[in-house]
Amino acid sequence: MVGAKAPLASVWREVQGADDWEDLVEPLHPLLREEIVRYGELVAACYKAFDLDPSSKRYLNCKYGKNSMLREVGMAGSGYKVTKYIYATPDISIPTQSGTCRSRWIGYVAVSGDEEVRSLGRRDILVSFRGTVTNTEWIANFMSSLTPARLDPHDPRPDVKVESGFLSLYTSDDSSCKFSSGSCREQLLSEVSRIVNKYKDEELSITLAGHSMGSSLALLLGYDLAELGLNRDASNREVPITVYSFGGPRVGNSGFKERCDELGVKVLRVVNVNDPVTKLPGVFLNENLRVLAGRFELPWSCSCYAHVGVELALDFFKMKNPACVHDLDAYIGLLKCPKMAQVKKDGENLLNKAKKYLGSQKLNVWQWEEAARHVGDLVQSLRI
């Protein structure tokens, strides 16, 4: 039991999910709330630092150098030092993208400084990922088919399947890019392993945080590190892995979920019940359709998408601005509110509202081309 006034340094393992956040989510414990907000703001830093000016030399990369990035986005007091920038390559090429380099700045690796170590109770290795911004990224998000992850060459585990677009983004490489060296996966495994080895004699934690598509990469990395056993220190002690997912979609099938659970990868999913992105992929084939009458495994269960981890449900929706349902700042803003509304899954959500609306429309007058354009506009407005 974590006391209301317990210092974080003494209970950090529980706050990081060692007991699957038992008695910490409902109601939301103040310490956990503070940590979720803190990691959410470290993810928001990615959006603030991402250069979307086509005329800039740093277009689609970070605006700032590693040593100044957190200061430039207003987080000089975060207590972390950025050690590496991370780039990902959508395995897609479309005419609207300028230039030949397909690799994009996707986030950063950081490690807590000595003063922050005293506050946290351990040395924290942080990997922070932004969500979808560019056209090729949101197209990659729609590559909605399950494929075996096969990240461990010695034990490929064909039953562990993940969404092909996310896996492609995680593993693809662009040798023409001057900023990156190797795939997103190769960059991350190398840097996290380096830091674990550097601080091998200290108490460590690995925290992976992301929004939307970034939460998918965070979960893939968490699974990858644990599957390969890279989260172990010099004494072969297991370094705990925690994923903070903000508005994240489903990443894999039930086999992937079960394997993450077996490996001890802890995942806290912060979701707005009105956010359609958290219902994807697998709107129809998901964890709710695997078993019949609570007893019988259905034949297609291995093809069902499944969420991983513990859910913290929020409820916010502004009809005048539907894009806010997926906005990271809206997530963080509600979490900062002391009287935050938490809801159960049986409440009416945006997907149900959308179904009612679509059911009242005469959709046969829509042309397929127009429908596709509307879907693209929605995805871009939501930045999934």
Protein backbone atom coordinates (compact mmCIF):
# COMPACT_ATOMS: atom_id res chain seq x y z
CA MET A 1 0.00 0.00 0.00
CA VAL A 2 1.45 3.36 -1.08
CA GLY A 3 0.73 6.07 1.47
CA ALA A 4 -0.67 9.41 0.30
CA LYS A 5 2.43 11.26 1.54
CA ALA A 6 5.07 8.64 0.80
CA PRO A 7 8.17 10.04 -0.93
CA LEU A 8 8.59 8.79 -4.49
CA ALA A 9 12.10 7.52 -3.80
CA SER A 10 10.74 4.95 -1.34
CA VAL A 11 7.86 3.64 -3.47
CA TRP A 12 9.08 4.13 -7.03
CA ARG A 13 8.76 0.46 -7.94
CA GLU A 14 5.05 0.44 -7.11
CA VAL A 15 4.53 3.73 -8.97
CA GLN A 16 6.32 2.20 -11.99
CA GLY A 17 3.86 -0.70 -11.97
CA ALA A 18 5.62 -3.48 -10.04
CA ASP A 19 2.20 -4.57 -8.71
CA ASP A 20 0.31 -3.57 -11.87
CA TRP A 21 -0.72 -0.29 -10.20
CA GLU A 22 -3.00 -2.08 -7.76
CA ASP A 23 -4.96 0.47 -5.68
CA LEU A 24 -3.17 3.34 -7.48
CA VAL A 25 -5.46 3.89 -10.49
CA GLU A 26 -8.94 3.94 -8.93
CA PRO A 27 -8.79 6.44 -7.36
CA LEU A 28 -5.72 7.91 -9.01
CA HIS A 29 -2.91 8.21 -6.46
CA PRO A 30 -1.32 11.70 -6.28
CA LEU A 31 2.19 10.33 -6.82
CA LEU A 32 1.14 8.35 -9.88
CA ARG A 33 -0.73 11.37 -11.24
CA GLU A 34 2.42 13.49 -10.90
CA GLU A 35 4.55 10.87 -12.65
CA ILE A 36 2.09 10.46 -15.53
CA VAL A 37 2.00 14.24 -16.04
CA ARG A 38 5.80 14.44 -15.82
CA TYR A 39 6.34 11.77 -18.47
CA GLY A 40 3.54 13.23 -20.59
CA GLU A 41 5.33 16.58 -20.64
CA LEU A 42 8.59 14.87 -21.61
CA VAL A 43 6.70 13.40 -24.59
CA ALA A 44 5.14 16.78 -25.42
CA ALA A 45 8.69 18.14 -25.67
CA CYS A 46 9.05 16.09 -28.89
CA TYR A 47 6.23 18.01 -30.58
CA LYS A 48 7.58 21.36 -29.44
CA ALA A 49 11.04 20.55 -30.78
CA PHE A 50 9.99 18.99 -34.10
CA ASP A 51 10.70 21.25 -37.08
CA LEU A 52 7.77 21.42 -39.53
CA ASP A 53 9.03 24.44 -41.48
CA PRO A 54 9.70 23.25 -45.07
CA SER A 55 12.17 26.10 -45.60
CA SER A 56 14.28 25.09 -42.60
CA LYS A 57 17.53 23.16 -42.91
CA ARG A 58 16.27 21.02 -40.04
CA TYR A 59 12.90 20.27 -41.66
CA LEU A 60 11.40 17.07 -40.19
CA ASN A 61 14.22 16.92 -37.65
CA CYS A 62 14.72 18.44 -34.22
CA LYS A 63 15.08 22.22 -34.12
CA TYR A 64 17.70 22.12 -31.38
CA GLY A 65 20.90 20.35 -30.39
CA LYS A 66 20.83 17.60 -27.74
CA ASN A 67 22.39 19.76 -25.03
CA SER A 68 19.82 22.55 -25.36
CA MET A 69 16.62 20.82 -26.49
CA LEU A 70 14.91 20.42 -23.11
CA ARG A 71 15.85 23.96 -22.11
CA GLU A 72 14.55 25.39 -25.40
CA VAL A 73 11.12 23.76 -24.92
CA GLY A 74 10.82 25.05 -21.35
CA MET A 75 11.94 21.93 -19.49
CA ALA A 76 15.34 23.02 -18.19
CA GLY A 77 14.36 21.76 -14.74
CA SER A 78 13.36 18.26 -15.85
CA GLY A 79 16.48 16.71 -14.33
CA TYR A 80 17.26 14.71 -17.49
CA LYS A 81 20.13 14.92 -19.97
CA VAL A 82 19.43 13.96 -23.59
CA THR A 83 22.02 11.41 -24.76
CA LYS A 84 20.79 10.54 -28.26
CA TYR A 85 18.24 11.54 -30.89
CA ILE A 86 16.24 8.77 -32.50
CA TYR A 87 15.14 8.59 -36.14
CA ALA A 88 12.58 6.28 -37.75
CA THR A 89 12.00 5.44 -41.40
CA PRO A 90 8.49 4.86 -42.79
CA ASP A 91 8.94 2.14 -45.41
CA ILE A 92 6.81 4.16 -47.81
CA SER A 93 7.62 6.75 -50.44
CA ILE A 94 5.00 9.19 -51.77
CA PRO A 95 5.38 12.13 -54.16
CA THR A 96 4.27 14.74 -51.63
CA GLN A 97 7.39 14.24 -49.53
CA SER A 98 10.28 16.49 -50.55
CA GLY A 99 13.87 15.28 -50.60
CA THR A 100 15.29 11.79 -50.75
CA CYS A 101 15.85 11.08 -47.05
CA ARG A 102 12.86 9.20 -45.63
CA SER A 103 14.14 9.12 -42.06
CA ARG A 104 12.39 11.40 -39.54
CA TRP A 105 13.26 12.54 -36.02
CA ILE A 106 10.95 10.53 -33.81
CA GLY A 107 12.17 11.22 -30.26
CA TYR A 108 15.10 11.01 -27.88
CA VAL A 109 16.87 9.00 -25.20
CA ALA A 110 17.69 10.72 -21.91
CA VAL A 111 19.01 9.77 -18.49
CA SER A 112 18.28 11.36 -15.14
CA GLY A 113 21.02 13.42 -13.50
CA ASP A 114 22.41 12.88 -9.99
CA GLU A 115 20.03 15.33 -8.29
CA GLU A 116 17.02 13.75 -9.99
CA VAL A 117 18.30 10.29 -8.98
CA ARG A 118 17.95 11.28 -5.33
CA SER A 119 14.37 12.40 -5.94
CA LEU A 120 13.36 9.38 -8.04
CA GLY A 121 15.14 6.77 -5.95
CA ARG A 122 16.94 5.35 -9.01
CA ARG A 123 18.70 6.29 -12.24
CA ASP A 124 15.96 6.53 -14.86
CA ILE A 125 16.65 5.77 -18.53
CA LEU A 126 13.95 7.53 -20.54
CA VAL A 127 12.96 7.06 -24.18
CA SER A 128 10.36 9.54 -25.41
CA PHE A 129 8.46 9.24 -28.72
CA ARG A 130 6.22 11.71 -30.53
CA GLY A 131 3.10 10.69 -32.47
CA THR A 132 2.33 10.87 -36.18
CA VAL A 133 2.96 14.14 -38.00
CA THR A 134 4.08 13.39 -41.56
CA ASN A 135 2.06 11.89 -44.42
CA THR A 136 4.18 8.76 -44.75
CA GLU A 137 3.79 8.07 -41.03
CA TRP A 138 0.01 8.16 -41.04
CA ILE A 139 -0.06 5.97 -44.16
CA ALA A 140 2.19 3.51 -42.35
CA ASN A 141 -0.30 3.53 -39.48
CA PHE A 142 -2.97 2.23 -41.87
CA MET A 143 -0.91 -0.84 -42.82
CA SER A 144 -3.29 -2.69 -40.56
CA SER A 145 -2.30 -6.33 -40.75
CA LEU A 146 -0.70 -8.61 -38.20
CA THR A 147 2.72 -10.07 -38.88
CA PRO A 148 5.07 -12.14 -36.67
CA ALA A 149 7.44 -9.83 -34.78
CA ARG A 150 10.41 -12.24 -34.96
CA LEU A 151 12.68 -9.85 -33.06
CA ASP A 152 14.63 -12.63 -31.34
CA PRO A 153 16.55 -14.59 -34.01
CA HIS A 154 17.11 -17.49 -31.59
CA ASP A 155 13.41 -17.85 -30.76
CA PRO A 156 11.21 -16.25 -33.44
CA ARG A 157 7.88 -17.07 -31.69
CA PRO A 158 5.58 -17.03 -34.76
CA ASP A 159 2.48 -16.69 -32.54
CA VAL A 160 3.65 -13.29 -31.30
CA LYS A 161 2.29 -10.91 -33.93
CA VAL A 162 2.30 -7.12 -34.22
CA GLU A 163 0.83 -4.52 -36.54
CA SER A 164 2.90 -4.44 -39.73
CA GLY A 165 3.03 -0.64 -40.11
CA PHE A 166 4.42 -0.10 -36.60
CA LEU A 167 6.93 -2.93 -37.03
CA SER A 168 8.07 -1.46 -40.35
CA LEU A 169 8.61 1.95 -38.77
CA TYR A 170 10.56 0.32 -35.94
CA THR A 171 12.83 -1.86 -38.09
CA SER A 172 13.26 -0.05 -41.44
CA ASP A 173 16.51 1.73 -42.30
CA ASP A 174 17.45 4.61 -44.59
CA SER A 175 21.15 4.61 -45.38
CA SER A 176 20.82 7.88 -47.31
CA CYS A 177 19.99 9.94 -44.23
CA LYS A 178 22.87 11.92 -42.73
CA PHE A 179 21.25 12.19 -39.28
CA SER A 180 20.55 8.54 -38.46
CA SER A 181 22.67 5.41 -38.41
CA GLY A 182 20.70 2.19 -38.66
CA SER A 183 17.03 1.52 -38.03
CA CYS A 184 15.04 3.00 -35.16
CA ARG A 185 15.40 -0.36 -33.45
CA GLU A 186 19.17 -0.55 -33.89
CA GLN A 187 19.66 2.98 -32.59
CA LEU A 188 17.54 2.31 -29.50
CA LEU A 189 18.92 -1.10 -28.54
CA SER A 190 22.46 0.21 -28.84
CA GLU A 191 21.89 3.37 -26.79
CA VAL A 192 19.81 1.78 -24.01
CA SER A 193 22.35 -1.05 -23.68
CA ARG A 194 25.18 1.49 -23.49
CA ILE A 195 23.49 3.42 -20.66
CA VAL A 196 22.57 0.26 -18.73
CA ASN A 197 26.22 -0.81 -18.91
CA LYS A 198 27.48 2.66 -17.92
CA TYR A 199 25.37 2.71 -14.74
CA LYS A 200 25.49 -1.06 -14.14
CA ASP A 201 26.27 -0.68 -10.43
CA GLU A 202 23.29 1.61 -9.72
CA GLU A 203 19.58 1.08 -9.18
CA LEU A 204 18.05 1.53 -12.63
CA SER A 205 14.69 1.81 -14.36
CA ILE A 206 13.78 1.96 -18.04
CA THR A 207 10.81 4.20 -18.83
CA LEU A 208 9.37 4.35 -22.33
CA ALA A 209 6.78 7.02 -23.02
CA GLY A 210 4.91 7.94 -26.18
CA HIS A 211 1.79 9.46 -27.66
CA SER A 212 -0.32 7.77 -30.35
CA MET A 213 2.04 6.09 -32.84
CA GLY A 214 4.87 6.87 -30.41
CA SER A 215 3.25 4.71 -27.75
CA SER A 216 3.31 1.82 -30.22
CA LEU A 217 7.05 2.24 -30.72
CA ALA A 218 7.50 2.48 -26.95
CA LEU A 219 5.71 -0.83 -26.45
CA LEU A 220 7.63 -2.54 -29.26
CA LEU A 221 10.89 -1.36 -27.69
CA GLY A 222 9.84 -2.56 -24.24
CA TYR A 223 8.99 -6.00 -25.60
CA ASP A 224 12.20 -6.12 -27.65
CA LEU A 225 14.46 -5.21 -24.69
CA ALA A 226 12.82 -7.78 -22.45
CA GLU A 227 12.73 -10.54 -25.07
CA LEU A 228 16.44 -10.12 -25.78
CA GLY A 229 17.30 -9.82 -22.08
CA LEU A 230 18.91 -6.40 -22.55
CA ASN A 231 17.24 -5.08 -19.41
CA ARG A 232 19.70 -6.79 -17.08
CA ASP A 233 22.55 -5.17 -15.16
CA ALA A 234 26.04 -6.47 -14.32
CA SER A 235 24.64 -8.72 -11.57
CA ASN A 236 22.03 -10.12 -13.97
CA ARG A 237 19.31 -8.30 -12.04
CA GLU A 238 16.30 -7.36 -14.11
CA VAL A 239 15.92 -3.64 -14.75
CA PRO A 240 12.16 -2.88 -14.65
CA ILE A 241 10.60 -1.68 -17.90
CA THR A 242 7.58 0.63 -17.76
CA VAL A 243 5.63 2.00 -20.72
CA TYR A 244 3.49 5.13 -20.36
CA SER A 245 1.13 5.12 -23.33
CA PHE A 246 -0.91 8.25 -24.11
CA GLY A 247 -3.76 7.74 -26.58
CA GLY A 248 -2.12 4.61 -27.95
CA PRO A 249 -3.62 2.15 -30.45
CA ARG A 250 -3.46 -1.63 -30.18
CA VAL A 251 -0.02 -2.91 -31.20
CA GLY A 252 -0.29 -6.69 -31.48
CA ASN A 253 -2.36 -9.81 -31.04
CA SER A 254 -3.23 -11.76 -27.91
CA GLY A 255 0.04 -13.68 -28.23
CA PHE A 256 1.95 -10.40 -28.08
CA LYS A 257 -0.01 -9.29 -25.03
CA GLU A 258 0.57 -12.58 -23.23
CA ARG A 259 4.29 -12.53 -23.99
CA CYS A 260 4.64 -8.94 -22.70
CA ASP A 261 2.90 -10.05 -19.51
CA GLU A 262 5.23 -13.04 -19.17
CA LEU A 263 8.30 -10.86 -19.63
CA GLY A 264 7.11 -8.39 -16.99
CA VAL A 265 6.80 -5.37 -19.28
CA LYS A 266 4.52 -2.99 -17.37
CA VAL A 267 2.21 -0.80 -19.44
CA LEU A 268 -0.04 2.00 -18.21
CA ARG A 269 -2.43 3.08 -20.96
CA VAL A 270 -3.78 6.59 -20.44
CA VAL A 271 -6.82 6.82 -22.72
CA ASN A 272 -9.66 9.19 -23.45
CA VAL A 273 -12.75 7.00 -23.86
CA ASN A 274 -13.85 9.30 -26.69
CA ASP A 275 -10.56 8.90 -28.59
CA PRO A 276 -11.08 6.69 -31.68
CA VAL A 277 -7.35 6.03 -32.03
CA THR A 278 -7.39 3.90 -28.88
CA LYS A 279 -9.98 1.64 -30.57
CA LEU A 280 -7.65 0.93 -33.51
CA PRO A 281 -6.59 -1.29 -35.11
CA GLY A 282 -9.04 -4.11 -34.55
CA VAL A 283 -12.35 -2.26 -34.23
CA PHE A 284 -14.09 -5.59 -34.77
CA LEU A 285 -11.42 -8.26 -34.19
CA ASN A 286 -10.11 -7.46 -30.73
CA GLU A 287 -9.68 -8.88 -27.23
CA ASN A 288 -13.43 -8.73 -26.64
CA LEU A 289 -14.14 -11.26 -29.41
CA ARG A 290 -11.58 -13.94 -28.56
CA VAL A 291 -13.66 -16.06 -26.23
CA LEU A 292 -17.26 -17.22 -26.43
CA ALA A 293 -19.29 -17.24 -23.21
CA GLY A 294 -16.10 -16.74 -21.22
CA ARG A 295 -14.99 -20.31 -21.91
CA PHE A 296 -14.46 -21.20 -25.56
CA GLU A 297 -11.48 -19.88 -27.54
CA LEU A 298 -12.68 -18.86 -30.99
CA PRO A 299 -10.78 -20.01 -34.14
CA TRP A 300 -9.74 -16.48 -35.10
CA SER A 301 -8.45 -15.53 -31.64
CA CYS A 302 -4.80 -15.46 -32.78
CA SER A 303 -5.80 -12.83 -35.37
CA CYS A 304 -7.43 -10.55 -32.80
CA TYR A 305 -5.71 -7.36 -31.73
CA ALA A 306 -5.31 -6.90 -27.98
CA HIS A 307 -4.37 -4.02 -25.71
CA VAL A 308 -1.52 -4.59 -23.25
CA GLY A 309 -1.44 -3.41 -19.65
CA VAL A 310 -3.59 -1.41 -17.25
CA GLU A 311 -6.00 1.28 -18.43
CA LEU A 312 -6.46 4.71 -16.88
CA ALA A 313 -9.65 6.06 -18.48
CA LEU A 314 -10.30 9.77 -18.91
CA ASP A 315 -13.36 11.45 -20.41
CA PHE A 316 -13.11 14.69 -22.36
CA PHE A 317 -14.72 15.81 -25.59
CA LYS A 318 -15.36 19.20 -27.19
CA MET A 319 -17.82 19.01 -30.05
CA LYS A 320 -16.47 22.27 -31.54
CA ASN A 321 -13.02 20.78 -31.88
CA PRO A 322 -13.10 16.98 -32.38
CA ALA A 323 -9.31 16.83 -32.78
CA CYS A 324 -8.91 17.54 -29.06
CA VAL A 325 -10.03 14.01 -28.21
CA HIS A 326 -6.57 12.80 -29.25
CA ASP A 327 -4.52 15.86 -28.33
CA LEU A 328 -1.68 15.17 -25.88
CA ASP A 329 -1.99 18.60 -24.26
CA ALA A 330 -5.66 17.84 -23.56
CA TYR A 331 -4.64 14.57 -21.89
CA ILE A 332 -2.06 16.33 -19.73
CA GLY A 333 -4.38 19.22 -18.92
CA LEU A 334 -7.09 16.92 -17.62
CA LEU A 335 -4.61 14.93 -15.55
CA LYS A 336 -3.44 18.14 -13.90
CA CYS A 337 -7.01 18.91 -12.85
CA PRO A 338 -7.59 17.74 -9.25
CA LYS A 339 -11.24 16.90 -9.99
CA MET A 340 -10.45 14.81 -13.05
CA ALA A 341 -13.34 12.66 -14.23
CA GLN A 342 -12.59 8.97 -14.52
CA VAL A 343 -15.10 6.76 -16.28
CA LYS A 344 -15.72 3.11 -16.81
CA LYS A 345 -15.65 1.40 -20.17
CA ASP A 346 -19.42 1.04 -20.37
CA GLY A 347 -19.94 4.77 -20.92
CA GLU A 348 -21.00 6.02 -24.35
CA ASN A 349 -17.86 6.89 -26.29
CA LEU A 350 -17.07 8.66 -29.51
CA LEU A 351 -17.10 5.44 -31.53
CA ASN A 352 -20.68 4.75 -30.47
CA LYS A 353 -21.67 8.35 -31.21
CA ALA A 354 -20.08 8.03 -34.64
CA LYS A 355 -21.96 4.80 -35.34
CA LYS A 356 -25.27 6.49 -34.45
CA TYR A 357 -24.44 9.44 -36.66
CA LEU A 358 -23.38 7.32 -39.63
CA GLY A 359 -26.47 5.18 -39.23
CA SER A 360 -28.65 8.26 -39.69
CA GLN A 361 -26.88 9.34 -42.88
CA LYS A 362 -27.56 8.28 -46.45
CA LEU A 363 -24.06 7.05 -47.09
CA ASN A 364 -24.87 5.65 -50.51
CA VAL A 365 -24.51 9.14 -51.99
CA TRP A 366 -20.84 9.25 -51.02
CA GLN A 367 -18.27 8.42 -53.64
CA TRP A 368 -15.35 6.26 -52.52
CA GLU A 369 -12.87 8.97 -53.47
CA GLU A 370 -14.58 11.51 -51.23
CA ALA A 371 -14.80 9.01 -48.37
CA ALA A 372 -11.06 8.31 -48.62
CA ARG A 373 -10.32 12.05 -48.56
CA HIS A 374 -12.41 12.53 -45.42
CA VAL A 375 -10.58 9.66 -43.69
CA GLY A 376 -7.23 11.23 -44.58
CA ASP A 377 -8.35 14.61 -43.26
CA LEU A 378 -9.52 13.01 -40.01
CA VAL A 379 -6.26 11.13 -39.49
CA GLN A 380 -4.18 14.24 -40.11
CA SER A 381 -6.33 16.36 -37.80
CA LEU A 382 -6.01 13.76 -35.05
CA ARG A 383 -2.27 13.26 -35.66
CA ILE A 384 -2.57 9.52 -35.12
